[in-house]
């Protein structure tokens, strides 16, 4: 967590798209870490992002990733766009934008039940 704390602004905002139980805005580092811990809890720590493409300039980093998560015995693979707005060398805003929002909503809704 110390490494992540250095990457994110204390007042970072995570925007998690969708209509599933984890979607919404997470304001501040504690809230963003709470979101990450909840995802880890639901997946049993079995989740990875494989970076496929990265585009960046001075204040924005966009990554296309293959996200892989598990809920019980169900593996969920999907492409996601991660957009990071950088301010003073740290991530100030983060957007999680899946290619297939309906599949994302369905997976996380079932995983939380």
PDB file of N, CA and C in Angstrom:
ATOM      1  N   UNK A   1       0.821  -1.203   0.000  1.00  0.00           N
ATOM      2  CA  UNK A   1       0.000   0.000   0.000  1.00  0.00           C
ATOM      3  C   UNK A   1       0.862   1.262   0.000  1.00  0.00           C
ATOM      4  N   UNK A   2       2.058   1.188   0.581  1.00  0.00           N
ATOM      5  CA  UNK A   2       2.932   2.360   0.595  1.00  0.00           C
ATOM      6  C   UNK A   2       3.316   2.760  -0.826  1.00  0.00           C
ATOM      7  N   UNK A   3       3.598   1.761  -1.667  1.00  0.00           N
ATOM      8  CA  UNK A   3       3.938   2.042  -3.063  1.00  0.00           C
ATOM      9  C   UNK A   3       2.767   2.700  -3.775  1.00  0.00           C
ATOM     10  N   UNK A   4       1.564   2.151  -3.576  1.00  0.00           N
ATOM     11  CA  UNK A   4       0.376   2.744  -4.205  1.00  0.00           C
ATOM     12  C   UNK A   4       0.112   4.148  -3.680  1.00  0.00           C
ATOM     13  N   UNK A   5       0.335   4.353  -2.403  1.00  0.00           N
ATOM     14  CA  UNK A   5       0.111   5.678  -1.817  1.00  0.00           C
ATOM     15  C   UNK A   5       0.957   6.733  -2.498  1.00  0.00           C
ATOM     16  N   UNK A   6       2.162   6.370  -2.910  1.00  0.00           N
ATOM     17  CA  UNK A   6       3.043   7.325  -3.581  1.00  0.00           C
ATOM     18  C   UNK A   6       2.563   7.640  -5.000  1.00  0.00           C
ATOM     19  N   UNK A   7       1.853   6.695  -5.622  1.00  0.00           N
ATOM     20  CA  UNK A   7       1.379   6.890  -6.999  1.00  0.00           C
ATOM     21  C   UNK A   7       0.137   7.759  -7.086  1.00  0.00           C
ATOM     22  N   UNK A   8      -0.686   7.734  -6.043  1.00  0.00           N
ATOM     23  CA  UNK A   8      -1.976   8.414  -6.072  1.00  0.00           C
ATOM     24  C   UNK A   8      -1.970   9.659  -5.196  1.00  0.00           C
ATOM     25  N   UNK A   9      -2.625  10.698  -5.679  1.00  0.00           N
ATOM     26  CA  UNK A   9      -2.817  11.913  -4.895  1.00  0.00           C
ATOM     27  C   UNK A   9      -3.688  11.588  -3.682  1.00  0.00           C
ATOM     28  N   UNK A  10      -3.463  12.239  -2.550  1.00  0.00           N
ATOM     29  CA  UNK A  10      -4.316  11.995  -1.386  1.00  0.00           C
ATOM     30  C   UNK A  10      -5.797  12.270  -1.664  1.00  0.00           C
ATOM     31  N   UNK A  11      -6.073  13.166  -2.614  1.00  0.00           N
ATOM     32  CA  UNK A  11      -7.464  13.474  -2.943  1.00  0.00           C
ATOM     33  C   UNK A  11      -7.863  12.896  -4.303  1.00  0.00           C
ATOM     34  N   UNK A  12      -7.278  11.739  -4.644  1.00  0.00           N
ATOM     35  CA  UNK A  12      -7.609  11.048  -5.886  1.00  0.00           C
ATOM     36  C   UNK A  12      -9.102  10.756  -5.956  1.00  0.00           C
ATOM     37  N   UNK A  13      -9.631  10.713  -7.166  1.00  0.00           N
ATOM     38  CA  UNK A  13     -11.024  10.326  -7.382  1.00  0.00           C
ATOM     39  C   UNK A  13     -11.024   9.164  -8.367  1.00  0.00           C
ATOM     40  N   UNK A  14     -11.601   8.037  -7.956  1.00  0.00           N
ATOM     41  CA  UNK A  14     -11.803   6.882  -8.828  1.00  0.00           C
ATOM     42  C   UNK A  14     -13.226   6.941  -9.351  1.00  0.00           C
ATOM     43  N   UNK A  15     -13.376   6.829 -10.670  1.00  0.00           N
ATOM     44  CA  UNK A  15     -14.689   6.774 -11.305  1.00  0.00           C
ATOM     45  C   UNK A  15     -14.853   5.360 -11.864  1.00  0.00           C
ATOM     46  N   UNK A  16     -15.710   4.575 -11.256  1.00  0.00           N
ATOM     47  CA  UNK A  16     -15.951   3.200 -11.701  1.00  0.00           C
ATOM     48  C   UNK A  16     -17.316   3.188 -12.375  1.00  0.00           C
ATOM     49  N   UNK A  17     -17.307   2.978 -13.679  1.00  0.00           N
ATOM     50  CA  UNK A  17     -18.545   3.084 -14.457  1.00  0.00           C
ATOM     51  C   UNK A  17     -19.460   1.887 -14.228  1.00  0.00           C
ATOM     52  N   UNK A  18     -20.712   2.080 -14.573  1.00  0.00           N
ATOM     53  CA  UNK A  18     -21.655   0.974 -14.552  1.00  0.00           C
ATOM     54  C   UNK A  18     -22.790   1.131 -13.572  1.00  0.00           C
ATOM     55  N   UNK A  19     -23.536   0.010 -13.463  1.00  0.00           N
ATOM     56  CA  UNK A  19     -24.701  -0.056 -12.577  1.00  0.00           C
ATOM     57  C   UNK A  19     -24.604  -1.264 -11.648  1.00  0.00           C
ATOM     58  N   UNK A  20     -23.400  -1.702 -11.388  1.00  0.00           N
ATOM     59  CA  UNK A  20     -23.178  -2.834 -10.484  1.00  0.00           C
ATOM     60  C   UNK A  20     -22.880  -2.319  -9.080  1.00  0.00           C
ATOM     61  N   UNK A  21     -22.853  -3.199  -8.093  1.00  0.00           N
ATOM     62  CA  UNK A  21     -22.683  -2.745  -6.703  1.00  0.00           C
ATOM     63  C   UNK A  21     -21.386  -2.002  -6.401  1.00  0.00           C
ATOM     64  N   UNK A  22     -20.358  -2.151  -7.213  1.00  0.00           N
ATOM     65  CA  UNK A  22     -19.090  -1.463  -6.952  1.00  0.00           C
ATOM     66  C   UNK A  22     -18.943  -0.179  -7.750  1.00  0.00           C
ATOM     67  N   UNK A  23     -19.866   0.096  -8.664  1.00  0.00           N
ATOM     68  CA  UNK A  23     -19.738   1.291  -9.496  1.00  0.00           C
ATOM     69  C   UNK A  23     -20.000   2.544  -8.665  1.00  0.00           C
ATOM     70  N   UNK A  24     -19.438   3.635  -9.150  1.00  0.00           N
ATOM     71  CA  UNK A  24     -19.617   4.916  -8.470  1.00  0.00           C
ATOM     72  C   UNK A  24     -18.308   5.666  -8.389  1.00  0.00           C
ATOM     73  N   UNK A  25     -18.319   6.761  -7.668  1.00  0.00           N
ATOM     74  CA  UNK A  25     -17.128   7.577  -7.469  1.00  0.00           C
ATOM     75  C   UNK A  25     -16.576   7.338  -6.075  1.00  0.00           C
ATOM     76  N   UNK A  26     -15.278   7.160  -6.020  1.00  0.00           N
ATOM     77  CA  UNK A  26     -14.570   6.947  -4.759  1.00  0.00           C
ATOM     78  C   UNK A  26     -13.670   8.147  -4.545  1.00  0.00           C
ATOM     79  N   UNK A  27     -13.975   8.942  -3.523  1.00  0.00           N
ATOM     80  CA  UNK A  27     -13.311  10.219  -3.294  1.00  0.00           C
ATOM     81  C   UNK A  27     -12.256  10.087  -2.202  1.00  0.00           C
ATOM     82  N   UNK A  28     -11.011  10.322  -2.558  1.00  0.00           N
ATOM     83  CA  UNK A  28      -9.915  10.267  -1.606  1.00  0.00           C
ATOM     84  C   UNK A  28      -9.229   8.918  -1.587  1.00  0.00           C
ATOM     85  N   UNK A  29      -7.995   8.934  -1.106  1.00  0.00           N
ATOM     86  CA  UNK A  29      -7.159   7.746  -1.097  1.00  0.00           C
ATOM     87  C   UNK A  29      -7.764   6.614  -0.271  1.00  0.00           C
ATOM     88  N   UNK A  30      -8.302   6.907   0.890  1.00  0.00           N
ATOM     89  CA  UNK A  30      -8.904   5.853   1.726  1.00  0.00           C
ATOM     90  C   UNK A  30     -10.073   5.189   1.016  1.00  0.00           C
ATOM     91  N   UNK A  31     -10.898   5.976   0.366  1.00  0.00           N
ATOM     92  CA  UNK A  31     -12.046   5.433  -0.357  1.00  0.00           C
ATOM     93  C   UNK A  31     -11.591   4.591  -1.552  1.00  0.00           C
ATOM     94  N   UNK A  32     -10.594   5.085  -2.304  1.00  0.00           N
ATOM     95  CA  UNK A  32     -10.068   4.339  -3.447  1.00  0.00           C
ATOM     96  C   UNK A  32      -9.451   3.022  -2.984  1.00  0.00           C
ATOM     97  N   UNK A  33      -8.690   3.055  -1.886  1.00  0.00           N
ATOM     98  CA  UNK A  33      -8.123   1.818  -1.351  1.00  0.00           C
ATOM     99  C   UNK A  33      -9.221   0.884  -0.856  1.00  0.00           C
ATOM    100  N   UNK A  34     -10.277   1.436  -0.296  1.00  0.00           N
ATOM    101  CA  UNK A  34     -11.413   0.619   0.126  1.00  0.00           C
ATOM    102  C   UNK A  34     -12.025  -0.122  -1.047  1.00  0.00           C
ATOM    103  N   UNK A  35     -12.142   0.574  -2.183  1.00  0.00           N
ATOM    104  CA  UNK A  35     -12.644  -0.058  -3.403  1.00  0.00           C
ATOM    105  C   UNK A  35     -11.720  -1.201  -3.818  1.00  0.00           C
ATOM    106  N   UNK A  36     -10.415  -0.944  -3.852  1.00  0.00           N
ATOM    107  CA  UNK A  36      -9.453  -1.975  -4.251  1.00  0.00           C
ATOM    108  C   UNK A  36      -9.518  -3.186  -3.316  1.00  0.00           C
ATOM    109  N   UNK A  37      -9.634  -2.927  -2.025  1.00  0.00           N
ATOM    110  CA  UNK A  37      -9.715  -4.028  -1.057  1.00  0.00           C
ATOM    111  C   UNK A  37     -10.996  -4.835  -1.235  1.00  0.00           C
ATOM    112  N   UNK A  38     -12.104  -4.158  -1.546  1.00  0.00           N
ATOM    113  CA  UNK A  38     -13.369  -4.849  -1.786  1.00  0.00           C
ATOM    114  C   UNK A  38     -13.261  -5.755  -3.010  1.00  0.00           C
ATOM    115  N   UNK A  39     -12.648  -5.261  -4.080  1.00  0.00           N
ATOM    116  CA  UNK A  39     -12.442  -6.086  -5.278  1.00  0.00           C
ATOM    117  C   UNK A  39     -11.587  -7.299  -4.912  1.00  0.00           C
ATOM    118  N   UNK A  40     -10.530  -7.085  -4.142  1.00  0.00           N
ATOM    119  CA  UNK A  40      -9.672  -8.185  -3.710  1.00  0.00           C
ATOM    120  C   UNK A  40     -10.408  -9.203  -2.865  1.00  0.00           C
ATOM    121  N   UNK A  41     -11.287  -8.714  -2.012  1.00  0.00           N
ATOM    122  CA  UNK A  41     -12.093  -9.600  -1.164  1.00  0.00           C
ATOM    123  C   UNK A  41     -13.037 -10.455  -2.019  1.00  0.00           C
ATOM    124  N   UNK A  42     -13.707  -9.838  -2.958  1.00  0.00           N
ATOM    125  CA  UNK A  42     -14.679 -10.541  -3.805  1.00  0.00           C
ATOM    126  C   UNK A  42     -13.985 -11.591  -4.672  1.00  0.00           C
ATOM    127  N   UNK A  43     -12.804 -11.244  -5.191  1.00  0.00           N
ATOM    128  CA  UNK A  43     -12.103 -12.153  -6.105  1.00  0.00           C
ATOM    129  C   UNK A  43     -11.162 -13.110  -5.387  1.00  0.00           C
ATOM    130  N   UNK A  44     -11.071 -12.986  -4.082  1.00  0.00           N
ATOM    131  CA  UNK A  44     -10.118 -13.814  -3.354  1.00  0.00           C
ATOM    132  C   UNK A  44      -8.681 -13.471  -3.717  1.00  0.00           C
ATOM    133  N   UNK A  45      -8.461 -12.234  -4.141  1.00  0.00           N
ATOM    134  CA  UNK A  45      -7.128 -11.799  -4.531  1.00  0.00           C
ATOM    135  C   UNK A  45      -6.697 -12.311  -5.893  1.00  0.00           C
ATOM    136  N   UNK A  46      -7.629 -12.917  -6.611  1.00  0.00           N
ATOM    137  CA  UNK A  46      -7.305 -13.482  -7.932  1.00  0.00           C
ATOM    138  C   UNK A  46      -7.763 -12.525  -9.028  1.00  0.00           C
ATOM    139  N   UNK A  47      -6.972 -11.536  -9.271  1.00  0.00           N
ATOM    140  CA  UNK A  47      -7.274 -10.592 -10.330  1.00  0.00           C
ATOM    141  C   UNK A  47      -5.996  -9.991 -10.870  1.00  0.00           C
ATOM    142  N   UNK A  48      -5.947  -9.803 -12.175  1.00  0.00           N
ATOM    143  CA  UNK A  48      -4.762  -9.213 -12.807  1.00  0.00           C
ATOM    144  C   UNK A  48      -5.187  -8.318 -13.957  1.00  0.00           C
ATOM    145  N   UNK A  49      -4.289  -7.415 -14.311  1.00  0.00           N
ATOM    146  CA  UNK A  49      -4.448  -6.607 -15.514  1.00  0.00           C
ATOM    147  C   UNK A  49      -3.225  -6.849 -16.379  1.00  0.00           C
ATOM    148  N   UNK A  50      -3.467  -7.252 -17.613  1.00  0.00           N
ATOM    149  CA  UNK A  50      -2.392  -7.401 -18.589  1.00  0.00           C
ATOM    150  C   UNK A  50      -2.451  -6.188 -19.512  1.00  0.00           C
ATOM    151  N   UNK A  51      -1.416  -5.370 -19.477  1.00  0.00           N
ATOM    152  CA  UNK A  51      -1.389  -4.145 -20.270  1.00  0.00           C
ATOM    153  C   UNK A  51      -1.174  -4.493 -21.739  1.00  0.00           C
ATOM    154  N   UNK A  52      -2.054  -3.979 -22.590  1.00  0.00           N
ATOM    155  CA  UNK A  52      -1.962  -4.205 -24.032  1.00  0.00           C
ATOM    156  C   UNK A  52      -1.420  -2.983 -24.772  1.00  0.00           C
ATOM    157  N   UNK A  53      -1.880  -1.791 -24.385  1.00  0.00           N
ATOM    158  CA  UNK A  53      -1.483  -0.560 -25.062  1.00  0.00           C
ATOM    159  C   UNK A  53      -1.448   0.578 -24.043  1.00  0.00           C
ATOM    160  N   UNK A  54      -0.475   1.455 -24.181  1.00  0.00           N
ATOM    161  CA  UNK A  54      -0.398   2.641 -23.324  1.00  0.00           C
ATOM    162  C   UNK A  54      -0.156   3.858 -24.203  1.00  0.00           C
ATOM    163  N   UNK A  55      -0.938   4.898 -23.958  1.00  0.00           N
ATOM    164  CA  UNK A  55      -0.770   6.195 -24.622  1.00  0.00           C
ATOM    165  C   UNK A  55      -0.627   7.230 -23.515  1.00  0.00           C
ATOM    166  N   UNK A  56       0.294   8.169 -23.683  1.00  0.00           N
ATOM    167  CA  UNK A  56       0.502   9.141 -22.615  1.00  0.00           C
ATOM    168  C   UNK A  56       0.982  10.471 -23.165  1.00  0.00           C
ATOM    169  N   UNK A  57       0.659  11.524 -22.419  1.00  0.00           N
ATOM    170  CA  UNK A  57       1.258  12.828 -22.644  1.00  0.00           C
ATOM    171  C   UNK A  57       1.593  13.387 -21.264  1.00  0.00           C
ATOM    172  N   UNK A  58       1.738  14.681 -21.131  1.00  0.00           N
ATOM    173  CA  UNK A  58       2.188  15.262 -19.864  1.00  0.00           C
ATOM    174  C   UNK A  58       1.225  15.066 -18.701  1.00  0.00           C
ATOM    175  N   UNK A  59      -0.073  14.999 -18.991  1.00  0.00           N
ATOM    176  CA  UNK A  59      -1.024  14.931 -17.885  1.00  0.00           C
ATOM    177  C   UNK A  59      -2.071  13.831 -18.003  1.00  0.00           C
ATOM    178  N   UNK A  60      -1.933  12.946 -18.979  1.00  0.00           N
ATOM    179  CA  UNK A  60      -2.900  11.861 -19.143  1.00  0.00           C
ATOM    180  C   UNK A  60      -2.175  10.574 -19.546  1.00  0.00           C
ATOM    181  N   UNK A  61      -2.576   9.487 -18.910  1.00  0.00           N
ATOM    182  CA  UNK A  61      -2.096   8.161 -19.291  1.00  0.00           C
ATOM    183  C   UNK A  61      -3.325   7.298 -19.546  1.00  0.00           C
ATOM    184  N   UNK A  62      -3.385   6.717 -20.744  1.00  0.00           N
ATOM    185  CA  UNK A  62      -4.491   5.842 -21.114  1.00  0.00           C
ATOM    186  C   UNK A  62      -3.909   4.454 -21.364  1.00  0.00           C
ATOM    187  N   UNK A  63      -4.483   3.453 -20.731  1.00  0.00           N
ATOM    188  CA  UNK A  63      -4.028   2.076 -20.932  1.00  0.00           C
ATOM    189  C   UNK A  63      -5.208   1.212 -21.331  1.00  0.00           C
ATOM    190  N   UNK A  64      -5.007   0.411 -22.360  1.00  0.00           N
ATOM    191  CA  UNK A  64      -5.964  -0.634 -22.695  1.00  0.00           C
ATOM    192  C   UNK A  64      -5.416  -1.894 -22.041  1.00  0.00           C
ATOM    193  N   UNK A  65      -6.229  -2.501 -21.192  1.00  0.00           N
ATOM    194  CA  UNK A  65      -5.788  -3.674 -20.441  1.00  0.00           C
ATOM    195  C   UNK A  65      -6.764  -4.823 -20.633  1.00  0.00           C
ATOM    196  N   UNK A  66      -6.253  -6.028 -20.484  1.00  0.00           N
ATOM    197  CA  UNK A  66      -7.099  -7.208 -20.377  1.00  0.00           C
ATOM    198  C   UNK A  66      -7.246  -7.459 -18.882  1.00  0.00           C
ATOM    199  N   UNK A  67      -8.442  -7.283 -18.391  1.00  0.00           N
ATOM    200  CA  UNK A  67      -8.702  -7.524 -16.979  1.00  0.00           C
ATOM    201  C   UNK A  67      -9.179  -8.951 -16.791  1.00  0.00           C
ATOM    202  N   UNK A  68      -8.614  -9.623 -15.807  1.00  0.00           N
ATOM    203  CA  UNK A  68      -9.022 -10.987 -15.500  1.00  0.00           C
ATOM    204  C   UNK A  68      -9.355 -11.038 -14.013  1.00  0.00           C
ATOM    205  N   UNK A  69     -10.573 -11.459 -13.717  1.00  0.00           N
ATOM    206  CA  UNK A  69     -11.019 -11.564 -12.333  1.00  0.00           C
ATOM    207  C   UNK A  69     -11.761 -12.884 -12.158  1.00  0.00           C
ATOM    208  N   UNK A  70     -11.815 -13.356 -10.949  1.00  0.00           N
ATOM    209  CA  UNK A  70     -12.529 -14.587 -10.640  1.00  0.00           C
ATOM    210  C   UNK A  70     -13.520 -14.341  -9.522  1.00  0.00           C
ATOM    211  N   UNK A  71     -14.639 -14.999  -9.636  1.00  0.00           N
ATOM    212  CA  UNK A  71     -15.616 -15.057  -8.553  1.00  0.00           C
ATOM    213  C   UNK A  71     -15.994 -16.516  -8.411  1.00  0.00           C
ATOM    214  N   UNK A  72     -15.655 -17.064  -7.266  1.00  0.00           N
ATOM    215  CA  UNK A  72     -15.797 -18.510  -7.059  1.00  0.00           C
ATOM    216  C   UNK A  72     -15.021 -19.218  -8.168  1.00  0.00           C
ATOM    217  N   UNK A  73     -15.655 -20.015  -9.003  1.00  0.00           N
ATOM    218  CA  UNK A  73     -14.951 -20.719 -10.079  1.00  0.00           C
ATOM    219  C   UNK A  73     -15.148 -20.071 -11.443  1.00  0.00           C
ATOM    220  N   UNK A  74     -15.720 -18.880 -11.481  1.00  0.00           N
ATOM    221  CA  UNK A  74     -15.992 -18.215 -12.743  1.00  0.00           C
ATOM    222  C   UNK A  74     -14.876 -17.222 -13.066  1.00  0.00           C
ATOM    223  N   UNK A  75     -14.243 -17.416 -14.221  1.00  0.00           N
ATOM    224  CA  UNK A  75     -13.233 -16.476 -14.694  1.00  0.00           C
ATOM    225  C   UNK A  75     -13.912 -15.454 -15.610  1.00  0.00           C
ATOM    226  N   UNK A  76     -13.550 -14.202 -15.434  1.00  0.00           N
ATOM    227  CA  UNK A  76     -14.109 -13.120 -16.238  1.00  0.00           C
ATOM    228  C   UNK A  76     -12.959 -12.372 -16.906  1.00  0.00           C
ATOM    229  N   UNK A  77     -12.892 -12.462 -18.232  1.00  0.00           N
ATOM    230  CA  UNK A  77     -11.867 -11.768 -19.023  1.00  0.00           C
ATOM    231  C   UNK A  77     -12.556 -10.679 -19.837  1.00  0.00           C
ATOM    232  N   UNK A  78     -11.988  -9.486 -19.772  1.00  0.00           N
ATOM    233  CA  UNK A  78     -12.579  -8.404 -20.550  1.00  0.00           C
ATOM    234  C   UNK A  78     -11.563  -7.298 -20.759  1.00  0.00           C
ATOM    235  N   UNK A  79     -11.735  -6.583 -21.858  1.00  0.00           N
ATOM    236  CA  UNK A  79     -10.892  -5.420 -22.126  1.00  0.00           C
ATOM    237  C   UNK A  79     -11.484  -4.202 -21.422  1.00  0.00           C
ATOM    238  N   UNK A  80     -10.579  -3.399 -20.889  1.00  0.00           N
ATOM    239  CA  UNK A  80     -10.961  -2.203 -20.151  1.00  0.00           C
ATOM    240  C   UNK A  80     -10.019  -1.071 -20.565  1.00  0.00           C
ATOM    241  N   UNK A  81     -10.550   0.130 -20.622  1.00  0.00           N
ATOM    242  CA  UNK A  81      -9.720   1.312 -20.807  1.00  0.00           C
ATOM    243  C   UNK A  81      -9.561   1.969 -19.437  1.00  0.00           C
ATOM    244  N   UNK A  82      -8.327   2.175 -19.030  1.00  0.00           N
ATOM    245  CA  UNK A  82      -8.029   2.896 -17.793  1.00  0.00           C
ATOM    246  C   UNK A  82      -7.464   4.258 -18.176  1.00  0.00           C
ATOM    247  N   UNK A  83      -8.120   5.293 -17.725  1.00  0.00           N
ATOM    248  CA  UNK A  83      -7.674   6.663 -17.991  1.00  0.00           C
ATOM    249  C   UNK A  83      -7.229   7.268 -16.665  1.00  0.00           C
ATOM    250  N   UNK A  84      -6.023   7.797 -16.662  1.00  0.00           N
ATOM    251  CA  UNK A  84      -5.457   8.428 -15.465  1.00  0.00           C
ATOM    252  C   UNK A  84      -5.097   9.868 -15.775  1.00  0.00           C
ATOM    253  N   UNK A  85      -5.610  10.788 -14.968  1.00  0.00           N
ATOM    254  CA  UNK A  85      -5.202  12.199 -15.098  1.00  0.00           C
ATOM    255  C   UNK A  85      -4.124  12.444 -14.058  1.00  0.00           C
ATOM    256  N   UNK A  86      -2.974  12.919 -14.535  1.00  0.00           N
ATOM    257  CA  UNK A  86      -1.809  13.112 -13.678  1.00  0.00           C
ATOM    258  C   UNK A  86      -1.709  14.582 -13.282  1.00  0.00           C
ATOM    259  N   UNK A  87      -1.437  14.790 -12.000  1.00  0.00           N
ATOM    260  CA  UNK A  87      -1.243  16.150 -11.482  1.00  0.00           C
ATOM    261  C   UNK A  87      -0.108  16.083 -10.465  1.00  0.00           C
ATOM    262  N   UNK A  88       0.902  16.911 -10.644  1.00  0.00           N
ATOM    263  CA  UNK A  88       2.067  16.928  -9.747  1.00  0.00           C
ATOM    264  C   UNK A  88       2.705  15.545  -9.591  1.00  0.00           C
ATOM    265  N   UNK A  89       2.750  14.798 -10.685  1.00  0.00           N
ATOM    266  CA  UNK A  89       3.415  13.501 -10.683  1.00  0.00           C
ATOM    267  C   UNK A  89       2.628  12.355 -10.067  1.00  0.00           C
ATOM    268  N   UNK A  90       1.367  12.610  -9.702  1.00  0.00           N
ATOM    269  CA  UNK A  90       0.533  11.566  -9.106  1.00  0.00           C
ATOM    270  C   UNK A  90      -0.796  11.464  -9.852  1.00  0.00           C
ATOM    271  N   UNK A  91      -1.432  10.309  -9.746  1.00  0.00           N
ATOM    272  CA  UNK A  91      -2.752  10.137 -10.342  1.00  0.00           C
ATOM    273  C   UNK A  91      -3.747  10.935  -9.513  1.00  0.00           C
ATOM    274  N   UNK A  92      -4.423  11.863 -10.160  1.00  0.00           N
ATOM    275  CA  UNK A  92      -5.436  12.702  -9.489  1.00  0.00           C
ATOM    276  C   UNK A  92      -6.844  12.193  -9.756  1.00  0.00           C
ATOM    277  N   UNK A  93      -7.057  11.630 -10.972  1.00  0.00           N
ATOM    278  CA  UNK A  93      -8.349  11.017 -11.308  1.00  0.00           C
ATOM    279  C   UNK A  93      -8.097   9.758 -12.108  1.00  0.00           C
ATOM    280  N   UNK A  94      -8.960   8.777 -11.879  1.00  0.00           N
ATOM    281  CA  UNK A  94      -8.862   7.485 -12.548  1.00  0.00           C
ATOM    282  C   UNK A  94     -10.251   7.091 -13.029  1.00  0.00           C
ATOM    283  N   UNK A  95     -10.333   6.674 -14.297  1.00  0.00           N
ATOM    284  CA  UNK A  95     -11.596   6.183 -14.855  1.00  0.00           C
ATOM    285  C   UNK A  95     -11.407   4.733 -15.275  1.00  0.00           C
ATOM    286  N   UNK A  96     -12.360   3.894 -14.933  1.00  0.00           N
ATOM    287  CA  UNK A  96     -12.398   2.479 -15.307  1.00  0.00           C
ATOM    288  C   UNK A  96     -13.537   2.324 -16.315  1.00  0.00           C
ATOM    289  N   UNK A  97     -13.193   2.061 -17.588  1.00  0.00           N
ATOM    290  CA  UNK A  97     -14.179   2.073 -18.666  1.00  0.00           C
ATOM    291  C   UNK A  97     -14.131   0.763 -19.451  1.00  0.00           C
ATOM    292  N   UNK A  98     -14.961  -0.210 -19.093  1.00  0.00           N
ATOM    293  CA  UNK A  98     -14.944  -1.484 -19.813  1.00  0.00           C
ATOM    294  C   UNK A  98     -15.519  -1.359 -21.223  1.00  0.00           C
ATOM    295  N   UNK A  99     -14.994  -2.167 -22.128  1.00  0.00           N
ATOM    296  CA  UNK A  99     -15.533  -2.217 -23.489  1.00  0.00           C
ATOM    297  C   UNK A  99     -16.983  -2.685 -23.453  1.00  0.00           C
ATOM    298  N   UNK A 100     -17.288  -3.673 -22.600  1.00  0.00           N
ATOM    299  CA  UNK A 100     -18.632  -4.258 -22.530  1.00  0.00           C
ATOM    300  C   UNK A 100     -19.202  -4.009 -21.129  1.00  0.00           C
ATOM    301  N   UNK A 101     -19.852  -2.859 -20.972  1.00  0.00           N
ATOM    302  CA  UNK A 101     -20.375  -2.479 -19.655  1.00  0.00           C
ATOM    303  C   UNK A 101     -21.424  -3.455 -19.149  1.00  0.00           C
ATOM    304  N   UNK A 102     -22.248  -4.004 -20.035  1.00  0.00           N
ATOM    305  CA  UNK A 102     -23.287  -4.945 -19.605  1.00  0.00           C
ATOM    306  C   UNK A 102     -22.678  -6.201 -18.975  1.00  0.00           C
ATOM    307  N   UNK A 103     -21.633  -6.736 -19.603  1.00  0.00           N
ATOM    308  CA  UNK A 103     -20.957  -7.917 -19.051  1.00  0.00           C
ATOM    309  C   UNK A 103     -20.303  -7.583 -17.713  1.00  0.00           C
ATOM    310  N   UNK A 104     -19.724  -6.403 -17.617  1.00  0.00           N
ATOM    311  CA  UNK A 104     -19.092  -5.958 -16.368  1.00  0.00           C
ATOM    312  C   UNK A 104     -20.129  -5.875 -15.249  1.00  0.00           C
ATOM    313  N   UNK A 105     -21.258  -5.251 -15.546  1.00  0.00           N
ATOM    314  CA  UNK A 105     -22.327  -5.124 -14.554  1.00  0.00           C
ATOM    315  C   UNK A 105     -22.829  -6.492 -14.102  1.00  0.00           C
ATOM    316  N   UNK A 106     -23.016  -7.393 -15.052  1.00  0.00           N
ATOM    317  CA  UNK A 106     -23.520  -8.722 -14.725  1.00  0.00           C
ATOM    318  C   UNK A 106     -22.535  -9.490 -13.844  1.00  0.00           C
ATOM    319  N   UNK A 107     -21.253  -9.467 -14.190  1.00  0.00           N
ATOM    320  CA  UNK A 107     -20.256 -10.196 -13.403  1.00  0.00           C
ATOM    321  C   UNK A 107     -20.207  -9.696 -11.972  1.00  0.00           C
ATOM    322  N   UNK A 108     -20.030  -8.375 -11.781  1.00  0.00           N
ATOM    323  CA  UNK A 108     -19.871  -7.850 -10.427  1.00  0.00           C
ATOM    324  C   UNK A 108     -21.150  -7.947  -9.614  1.00  0.00           C
ATOM    325  N   UNK A 109     -22.296  -7.839 -10.249  1.00  0.00           N
ATOM    326  CA  UNK A 109     -23.550  -7.987  -9.525  1.00  0.00           C
ATOM    327  C   UNK A 109     -23.666  -9.411  -8.977  1.00  0.00           C
ATOM    328  N   UNK A 110     -23.379 -10.412  -9.811  1.00  0.00           N
ATOM    329  CA  UNK A 110     -23.428 -11.811  -9.357  1.00  0.00           C
ATOM    330  C   UNK A 110     -22.358 -12.109  -8.316  1.00  0.00           C
ATOM    331  N   UNK A 111     -21.167 -11.514  -8.495  1.00  0.00           N
ATOM    332  CA  UNK A 111     -20.064 -11.785  -7.588  1.00  0.00           C
ATOM    333  C   UNK A 111     -20.340 -11.256  -6.177  1.00  0.00           C
ATOM    334  N   UNK A 112     -21.103 -10.178  -6.081  1.00  0.00           N
ATOM    335  CA  UNK A 112     -21.394  -9.571  -4.782  1.00  0.00           C
ATOM    336  C   UNK A 112     -22.529 -10.285  -4.058  1.00  0.00           C
ATOM    337  N   UNK A 113     -23.395 -10.963  -4.831  1.00  0.00           N
ATOM    338  CA  UNK A 113     -24.567 -11.620  -4.216  1.00  0.00           C
ATOM    339  C   UNK A 113     -24.167 -12.690  -3.233  1.00  0.00           C
TER     340      UNK A 113
END
